[in-house]
Amino acid sequence: MTNRWIAPIIATLTVASSLAPSAVTTALAGDADWTPADWVEEETIELGTTEPGEDRYDFPVWLVVIDGDVYVRLGSKAAERFEESTTKPYMTVEIAEKTFPKVEGVPAPDQADQVDQLMADKYWSDVFIRFMPHPLTLRLEPR
């Protein structure tokens, strides 16, 4: 009886070990792990962009969750990094000890005012930060 369970386990392990590491990462960090409701209290999210001729650059930004979607507000330098990224509109995202290798940054200018207000409510230091230019508001969508 024990032998009939061993063959399927070995077959599963063989298939899993033959996958490229990136395929395993993508499978583990799929949509099921994208849980914005769990991240409402998170302070920052790490975005990774790649400018021409450079390695990926990761930087933290504040986030808010609106109706189950994650939004970020980018300052001038971060917006420039996003716009010039060789992977635009995609970025790497890290949050709550999870990594998402392909997340689309969708411009959401219609949400900018609500994002600004929620950032002010969530982050006490926004009393200073809000006066700096934030030319780009993005909704983040895993792919």
N, C-alpha and C. Protein backbone atom coordinates (compact mmCIF):
# COMPACT_ATOMS: atom_id res chain seq x y z
N MET A 1 0.82 -1.19 0.00
CA MET A 1 0.00 0.00 0.00
C MET A 1 0.87 1.26 0.00
N THR A 2 1.97 1.26 0.71
CA THR A 2 2.87 2.41 0.77
C THR A 2 3.45 2.72 -0.60
N ASN A 3 3.76 1.69 -1.40
CA ASN A 3 4.39 1.88 -2.70
C ASN A 3 3.51 2.67 -3.67
N ARG A 4 2.21 2.54 -3.60
CA ARG A 4 1.36 3.26 -4.55
C ARG A 4 1.38 4.76 -4.29
N TRP A 5 1.79 5.21 -3.12
CA TRP A 5 1.89 6.65 -2.82
C TRP A 5 3.25 7.22 -3.20
N ILE A 6 4.26 6.37 -3.23
CA ILE A 6 5.61 6.84 -3.51
C ILE A 6 5.76 7.31 -4.96
N ALA A 7 5.23 6.57 -5.92
CA ALA A 7 5.39 6.92 -7.34
C ALA A 7 4.82 8.30 -7.66
N PRO A 8 3.61 8.66 -7.23
CA PRO A 8 3.11 10.01 -7.53
C PRO A 8 3.94 11.12 -6.87
N ILE A 9 4.45 10.85 -5.67
CA ILE A 9 5.28 11.85 -4.99
C ILE A 9 6.58 12.06 -5.74
N ILE A 10 7.20 10.98 -6.17
CA ILE A 10 8.45 11.08 -6.93
C ILE A 10 8.20 11.80 -8.25
N ALA A 11 7.11 11.51 -8.92
CA ALA A 11 6.79 12.17 -10.20
C ALA A 11 6.59 13.66 -10.00
N THR A 12 5.90 14.04 -8.95
CA THR A 12 5.68 15.46 -8.65
C THR A 12 6.99 16.17 -8.36
N LEU A 13 7.84 15.57 -7.55
CA LEU A 13 9.12 16.16 -7.22
C LEU A 13 10.01 16.28 -8.46
N THR A 14 9.95 15.29 -9.35
CA THR A 14 10.75 15.32 -10.57
C THR A 14 10.32 16.48 -11.46
N VAL A 15 9.02 16.67 -11.64
CA VAL A 15 8.52 17.78 -12.46
C VAL A 15 8.89 19.11 -11.82
N ALA A 16 8.70 19.26 -10.53
CA ALA A 16 9.01 20.52 -9.86
C ALA A 16 10.50 20.84 -9.95
N SER A 17 11.35 19.83 -9.82
CA SER A 17 12.79 20.10 -9.86
C SER A 17 13.27 20.42 -11.26
N SER A 18 12.49 20.06 -12.29
CA SER A 18 12.91 20.33 -13.66
C SER A 18 12.52 21.73 -14.11
N LEU A 19 11.67 22.42 -13.34
CA LEU A 19 11.28 23.78 -13.70
C LEU A 19 12.43 24.74 -13.46
N ALA A 20 12.49 25.76 -14.29
CA ALA A 20 13.49 26.81 -14.07
C ALA A 20 13.15 27.53 -12.78
N PRO A 21 14.16 28.04 -12.04
CA PRO A 21 13.88 28.74 -10.78
C PRO A 21 12.88 29.88 -10.95
N SER A 22 12.94 30.61 -12.06
CA SER A 22 12.01 31.72 -12.24
C SER A 22 10.58 31.22 -12.41
N ALA A 23 10.42 30.04 -13.03
CA ALA A 23 9.08 29.49 -13.18
C ALA A 23 8.50 29.11 -11.83
N VAL A 24 9.33 28.57 -10.94
CA VAL A 24 8.87 28.22 -9.61
C VAL A 24 8.49 29.49 -8.85
N THR A 25 9.32 30.52 -8.92
CA THR A 25 9.04 31.79 -8.25
C THR A 25 7.72 32.37 -8.74
N THR A 26 7.53 32.38 -10.04
CA THR A 26 6.30 32.95 -10.60
C THR A 26 5.10 32.15 -10.14
N ALA A 27 5.23 30.84 -10.14
CA ALA A 27 4.11 30.01 -9.71
C ALA A 27 3.78 30.27 -8.25
N LEU A 28 4.79 30.44 -7.40
CA LEU A 28 4.55 30.65 -5.98
C LEU A 28 4.04 32.06 -5.69
N ALA A 29 4.39 33.02 -6.53
CA ALA A 29 3.98 34.40 -6.29
C ALA A 29 2.88 34.81 -7.25
N GLY A 30 1.95 33.92 -7.50
CA GLY A 30 0.87 34.20 -8.43
C GLY A 30 -0.21 35.05 -7.81
N ASP A 31 -1.31 35.17 -8.52
CA ASP A 31 -2.41 36.02 -8.07
C ASP A 31 -2.94 35.64 -6.69
N ALA A 32 -2.86 34.38 -6.33
CA ALA A 32 -3.38 33.95 -5.02
C ALA A 32 -2.63 34.63 -3.88
N ASP A 33 -1.38 34.99 -4.09
CA ASP A 33 -0.59 35.66 -3.06
C ASP A 33 -0.78 37.17 -3.05
N TRP A 34 -1.41 37.71 -4.08
CA TRP A 34 -1.65 39.16 -4.17
C TRP A 34 -2.90 39.45 -3.35
N THR A 35 -2.69 39.93 -2.11
CA THR A 35 -3.80 40.09 -1.16
C THR A 35 -3.80 41.51 -0.58
N PRO A 36 -4.21 42.50 -1.35
CA PRO A 36 -4.18 43.89 -0.87
C PRO A 36 -4.89 44.13 0.46
N ALA A 37 -5.96 43.43 0.72
CA ALA A 37 -6.68 43.63 1.99
C ALA A 37 -5.77 43.35 3.19
N ASP A 38 -4.80 42.45 3.01
CA ASP A 38 -3.86 42.13 4.08
C ASP A 38 -2.78 43.20 4.25
N TRP A 39 -2.66 44.11 3.29
CA TRP A 39 -1.57 45.08 3.29
C TRP A 39 -1.99 46.49 3.68
N VAL A 40 -3.21 46.66 4.12
CA VAL A 40 -3.71 47.99 4.48
C VAL A 40 -2.80 48.66 5.51
N GLU A 41 -2.28 47.90 6.46
CA GLU A 41 -1.44 48.45 7.52
C GLU A 41 0.05 48.49 7.17
N GLU A 42 0.43 47.94 6.04
CA GLU A 42 1.85 47.97 5.63
C GLU A 42 2.27 49.42 5.44
N GLU A 43 3.49 49.73 5.86
CA GLU A 43 3.99 51.10 5.75
C GLU A 43 4.53 51.42 4.36
N THR A 44 5.26 50.46 3.76
CA THR A 44 5.85 50.71 2.45
C THR A 44 5.75 49.49 1.56
N ILE A 45 5.96 49.73 0.29
CA ILE A 45 6.03 48.70 -0.73
C ILE A 45 7.30 49.00 -1.53
N GLU A 46 8.05 47.98 -1.92
CA GLU A 46 9.28 48.18 -2.70
C GLU A 46 8.96 47.99 -4.18
N LEU A 47 9.30 48.98 -4.97
CA LEU A 47 9.14 48.89 -6.42
C LEU A 47 10.51 48.72 -7.04
N GLY A 48 10.63 47.87 -8.05
CA GLY A 48 11.89 47.66 -8.74
C GLY A 48 11.77 48.03 -10.21
N THR A 49 12.60 48.96 -10.65
CA THR A 49 12.62 49.38 -12.05
C THR A 49 14.03 49.20 -12.59
N THR A 50 14.14 49.18 -13.90
CA THR A 50 15.44 49.00 -14.55
C THR A 50 15.62 50.07 -15.62
N GLU A 51 16.58 50.96 -15.41
CA GLU A 51 16.89 51.97 -16.41
C GLU A 51 17.89 51.39 -17.39
N PRO A 52 17.92 51.90 -18.62
CA PRO A 52 18.85 51.35 -19.62
C PRO A 52 20.29 51.32 -19.11
N GLY A 53 20.94 50.17 -19.26
CA GLY A 53 22.33 50.01 -18.88
C GLY A 53 22.57 49.85 -17.39
N GLU A 54 21.53 49.69 -16.61
CA GLU A 54 21.68 49.56 -15.16
C GLU A 54 21.03 48.27 -14.66
N ASP A 55 21.43 47.86 -13.47
CA ASP A 55 20.75 46.75 -12.80
C ASP A 55 19.43 47.27 -12.23
N ARG A 56 18.60 46.35 -11.80
CA ARG A 56 17.33 46.75 -11.19
C ARG A 56 17.59 47.61 -9.97
N TYR A 57 16.78 48.63 -9.82
CA TYR A 57 16.87 49.54 -8.68
C TYR A 57 15.57 49.43 -7.89
N ASP A 58 15.65 49.07 -6.62
CA ASP A 58 14.48 48.94 -5.75
C ASP A 58 14.38 50.16 -4.85
N PHE A 59 13.18 50.67 -4.69
CA PHE A 59 12.97 51.83 -3.83
C PHE A 59 11.62 51.71 -3.12
N PRO A 60 11.57 52.16 -1.86
CA PRO A 60 10.31 52.08 -1.10
C PRO A 60 9.42 53.28 -1.38
N VAL A 61 8.13 53.03 -1.41
CA VAL A 61 7.14 54.11 -1.50
C VAL A 61 5.97 53.76 -0.59
N TRP A 62 5.23 54.77 -0.23
CA TRP A 62 4.02 54.56 0.56
C TRP A 62 2.93 53.95 -0.31
N LEU A 63 1.97 53.31 0.34
CA LEU A 63 0.86 52.70 -0.39
C LEU A 63 -0.44 52.91 0.34
N VAL A 64 -1.52 52.86 -0.41
CA VAL A 64 -2.86 52.80 0.16
C VAL A 64 -3.64 51.75 -0.62
N VAL A 65 -4.66 51.21 0.01
CA VAL A 65 -5.53 50.24 -0.63
C VAL A 65 -6.91 50.85 -0.74
N ILE A 66 -7.43 50.87 -1.96
CA ILE A 66 -8.76 51.42 -2.23
C ILE A 66 -9.56 50.35 -2.97
N ASP A 67 -10.68 49.96 -2.40
CA ASP A 67 -11.56 48.96 -3.02
C ASP A 67 -10.80 47.72 -3.50
N GLY A 68 -9.87 47.25 -2.69
CA GLY A 68 -9.13 46.04 -3.01
C GLY A 68 -7.98 46.21 -3.98
N ASP A 69 -7.65 47.46 -4.35
CA ASP A 69 -6.52 47.72 -5.25
C ASP A 69 -5.44 48.50 -4.51
N VAL A 70 -4.18 48.22 -4.87
CA VAL A 70 -3.05 48.92 -4.28
C VAL A 70 -2.71 50.13 -5.15
N TYR A 71 -2.53 51.29 -4.49
CA TYR A 71 -2.15 52.52 -5.19
C TYR A 71 -0.88 53.07 -4.54
N VAL A 72 -0.03 53.65 -5.40
CA VAL A 72 1.16 54.34 -4.93
C VAL A 72 1.18 55.72 -5.57
N ARG A 73 1.83 56.63 -4.89
CA ARG A 73 2.00 58.01 -5.37
C ARG A 73 3.50 58.22 -5.52
N LEU A 74 3.93 58.54 -6.73
CA LEU A 74 5.36 58.66 -6.99
C LEU A 74 5.79 60.11 -7.08
N GLY A 75 6.89 60.42 -6.39
CA GLY A 75 7.52 61.72 -6.51
C GLY A 75 8.22 61.83 -7.85
N SER A 76 8.83 62.98 -8.11
CA SER A 76 9.43 63.25 -9.41
C SER A 76 10.48 62.21 -9.81
N LYS A 77 11.42 61.90 -8.92
CA LYS A 77 12.48 60.96 -9.26
C LYS A 77 11.94 59.55 -9.48
N ALA A 78 11.04 59.10 -8.61
CA ALA A 78 10.46 57.77 -8.76
C ALA A 78 9.63 57.68 -10.04
N ALA A 79 8.88 58.73 -10.35
CA ALA A 79 8.09 58.76 -11.59
C ALA A 79 9.01 58.69 -12.80
N GLU A 80 10.13 59.39 -12.73
CA GLU A 80 11.10 59.36 -13.82
C GLU A 80 11.68 57.95 -13.99
N ARG A 81 12.00 57.29 -12.88
CA ARG A 81 12.51 55.92 -12.94
C ARG A 81 11.49 55.00 -13.60
N PHE A 82 10.22 55.15 -13.24
CA PHE A 82 9.17 54.32 -13.83
C PHE A 82 9.05 54.59 -15.33
N GLU A 83 9.00 55.86 -15.70
CA GLU A 83 8.82 56.23 -17.11
C GLU A 83 9.98 55.77 -17.98
N GLU A 84 11.20 55.75 -17.44
CA GLU A 84 12.38 55.38 -18.22
C GLU A 84 12.76 53.91 -18.09
N SER A 85 12.02 53.16 -17.33
CA SER A 85 12.34 51.76 -17.10
C SER A 85 12.23 50.95 -18.39
N THR A 86 13.20 50.06 -18.60
CA THR A 86 13.18 49.20 -19.78
C THR A 86 12.06 48.16 -19.70
N THR A 87 11.48 47.99 -18.53
CA THR A 87 10.41 47.00 -18.35
C THR A 87 9.03 47.66 -18.24
N LYS A 88 8.96 48.98 -18.41
CA LYS A 88 7.69 49.71 -18.28
C LYS A 88 6.63 49.07 -19.17
N PRO A 89 5.46 48.85 -18.69
CA PRO A 89 4.84 49.32 -17.45
C PRO A 89 4.99 48.35 -16.28
N TYR A 90 5.89 47.38 -16.42
CA TYR A 90 6.03 46.36 -15.39
C TYR A 90 7.17 46.67 -14.44
N MET A 91 6.97 46.25 -13.20
CA MET A 91 7.96 46.42 -12.14
C MET A 91 7.98 45.16 -11.30
N THR A 92 9.05 45.03 -10.54
CA THR A 92 9.09 44.02 -9.50
C THR A 92 8.54 44.68 -8.23
N VAL A 93 7.74 43.95 -7.48
CA VAL A 93 7.15 44.49 -6.26
C VAL A 93 7.44 43.55 -5.11
N GLU A 94 7.85 44.14 -3.99
CA GLU A 94 8.04 43.37 -2.76
C GLU A 94 7.20 44.02 -1.66
N ILE A 95 6.41 43.17 -1.00
CA ILE A 95 5.59 43.64 0.12
C ILE A 95 5.29 42.47 1.03
N ALA A 96 5.32 42.72 2.32
CA ALA A 96 4.98 41.71 3.33
C ALA A 96 5.75 40.41 3.11
N GLU A 97 7.04 40.55 2.82
CA GLU A 97 7.92 39.40 2.63
C GLU A 97 7.53 38.54 1.42
N LYS A 98 6.82 39.12 0.46
CA LYS A 98 6.47 38.43 -0.78
C LYS A 98 7.02 39.23 -1.94
N THR A 99 7.47 38.52 -2.96
CA THR A 99 8.00 39.16 -4.15
C THR A 99 7.13 38.80 -5.35
N PHE A 100 6.78 39.83 -6.11
CA PHE A 100 5.98 39.67 -7.31
C PHE A 100 6.83 40.17 -8.48
N PRO A 101 7.27 39.27 -9.36
CA PRO A 101 8.23 39.64 -10.40
C PRO A 101 7.66 40.48 -11.54
N LYS A 102 6.35 40.50 -11.71
CA LYS A 102 5.78 41.25 -12.84
C LYS A 102 4.45 41.87 -12.40
N VAL A 103 4.54 43.16 -12.04
CA VAL A 103 3.36 43.90 -11.63
C VAL A 103 3.25 45.12 -12.54
N GLU A 104 2.08 45.31 -13.10
CA GLU A 104 1.88 46.45 -14.00
C GLU A 104 1.51 47.69 -13.19
N GLY A 105 2.19 48.79 -13.51
CA GLY A 105 1.84 50.08 -12.94
C GLY A 105 0.91 50.79 -13.91
N VAL A 106 -0.35 50.91 -13.53
CA VAL A 106 -1.36 51.51 -14.39
C VAL A 106 -1.61 52.95 -13.92
N PRO A 107 -1.32 53.94 -14.76
CA PRO A 107 -1.57 55.33 -14.35
C PRO A 107 -3.04 55.50 -13.94
N ALA A 108 -3.24 56.17 -12.80
CA ALA A 108 -4.60 56.35 -12.26
C ALA A 108 -4.80 57.80 -11.83
N PRO A 109 -4.73 58.75 -12.77
CA PRO A 109 -4.89 60.15 -12.39
C PRO A 109 -6.26 60.44 -11.78
N ASP A 110 -7.26 59.66 -12.14
CA ASP A 110 -8.61 59.85 -11.59
C ASP A 110 -8.68 59.51 -10.10
N GLN A 111 -7.69 58.77 -9.59
CA GLN A 111 -7.66 58.40 -8.18
C GLN A 111 -6.69 59.26 -7.36
N ALA A 112 -5.99 60.19 -8.02
CA ALA A 112 -4.93 60.95 -7.34
C ALA A 112 -5.44 61.69 -6.10
N ASP A 113 -6.58 62.34 -6.17
CA ASP A 113 -7.10 63.09 -5.02
C ASP A 113 -7.43 62.16 -3.85
N GLN A 114 -8.07 61.04 -4.16
CA GLN A 114 -8.42 60.09 -3.09
C GLN A 114 -7.15 59.47 -2.49
N VAL A 115 -6.17 59.15 -3.34
CA VAL A 115 -4.91 58.60 -2.84
C VAL A 115 -4.22 59.64 -1.95
N ASP A 116 -4.20 60.90 -2.38
CA ASP A 116 -3.60 61.96 -1.57
C ASP A 116 -4.26 62.03 -0.19
N GLN A 117 -5.59 61.99 -0.17
CA GLN A 117 -6.30 62.09 1.11
C GLN A 117 -6.02 60.89 2.01
N LEU A 118 -6.00 59.70 1.43
CA LEU A 118 -5.74 58.51 2.24
C LEU A 118 -4.29 58.47 2.73
N MET A 119 -3.37 58.98 1.91
CA MET A 119 -1.98 59.07 2.37
C MET A 119 -1.89 60.03 3.56
N ALA A 120 -2.59 61.15 3.47
CA ALA A 120 -2.59 62.12 4.57
C ALA A 120 -3.17 61.50 5.85
N ASP A 121 -4.21 60.68 5.71
CA ASP A 121 -4.82 60.02 6.86
C ASP A 121 -3.91 58.94 7.46
N LYS A 122 -3.17 58.25 6.61
CA LYS A 122 -2.37 57.11 7.05
C LYS A 122 -0.99 57.51 7.58
N TYR A 123 -0.36 58.49 6.96
CA TYR A 123 1.03 58.84 7.28
C TYR A 123 1.08 60.25 7.87
N TRP A 124 1.48 60.34 9.13
CA TRP A 124 1.50 61.65 9.79
C TRP A 124 2.46 62.61 9.10
N SER A 125 3.58 62.10 8.56
CA SER A 125 4.56 63.00 7.94
C SER A 125 4.12 63.49 6.56
N ASP A 126 2.97 63.03 6.09
CA ASP A 126 2.47 63.55 4.82
C ASP A 126 2.14 65.04 4.92
N VAL A 127 2.03 65.55 6.13
CA VAL A 127 1.80 66.98 6.31
C VAL A 127 2.91 67.79 5.62
N PHE A 128 4.10 67.20 5.50
CA PHE A 128 5.21 67.85 4.80
C PHE A 128 5.34 67.34 3.37
N ILE A 129 5.21 66.03 3.20
CA ILE A 129 5.44 65.38 1.90
C ILE A 129 4.42 65.83 0.85
N ARG A 130 3.20 66.10 1.25
CA ARG A 130 2.16 66.43 0.27
C ARG A 130 2.46 67.69 -0.53
N PHE A 131 3.35 68.54 -0.01
CA PHE A 131 3.67 69.77 -0.73
C PHE A 131 4.74 69.58 -1.80
N MET A 132 5.34 68.39 -1.84
CA MET A 132 6.30 68.07 -2.89
C MET A 132 5.53 67.54 -4.10
N PRO A 133 6.08 67.73 -5.30
CA PRO A 133 5.36 67.24 -6.49
C PRO A 133 5.26 65.71 -6.51
N HIS A 134 4.10 65.22 -6.86
CA HIS A 134 3.84 63.79 -7.05
C HIS A 134 3.14 63.64 -8.40
N PRO A 135 3.93 63.61 -9.47
CA PRO A 135 3.33 63.64 -10.80
C PRO A 135 2.66 62.36 -11.27
N LEU A 136 2.81 61.26 -10.52
CA LEU A 136 2.28 59.99 -11.01
C LEU A 136 1.65 59.18 -9.89
N THR A 137 0.39 58.83 -10.09
CA THR A 137 -0.32 57.92 -9.20
C THR A 137 -0.55 56.64 -10.00
N LEU A 138 -0.18 55.50 -9.41
CA LEU A 138 -0.32 54.22 -10.11
C LEU A 138 -1.18 53.25 -9.31
N ARG A 139 -1.98 52.47 -10.03
CA ARG A 139 -2.65 51.31 -9.47
C ARG A 139 -1.77 50.11 -9.85
N LEU A 140 -1.48 49.25 -8.90
CA LEU A 140 -0.60 48.11 -9.16
C LEU A 140 -1.44 46.86 -9.40
N GLU A 141 -1.15 46.19 -10.52
CA GLU A 141 -1.89 45.00 -10.91
C GLU A 141 -0.92 43.86 -11.26
N PRO A 142 -1.00 42.74 -10.53
CA PRO A 142 -0.08 41.62 -10.82
C PRO A 142 -0.39 41.00 -12.18
N ARG A 143 0.63 40.55 -12.84
CA ARG A 143 0.47 39.88 -14.15
C ARG A 143 1.07 38.51 -14.09
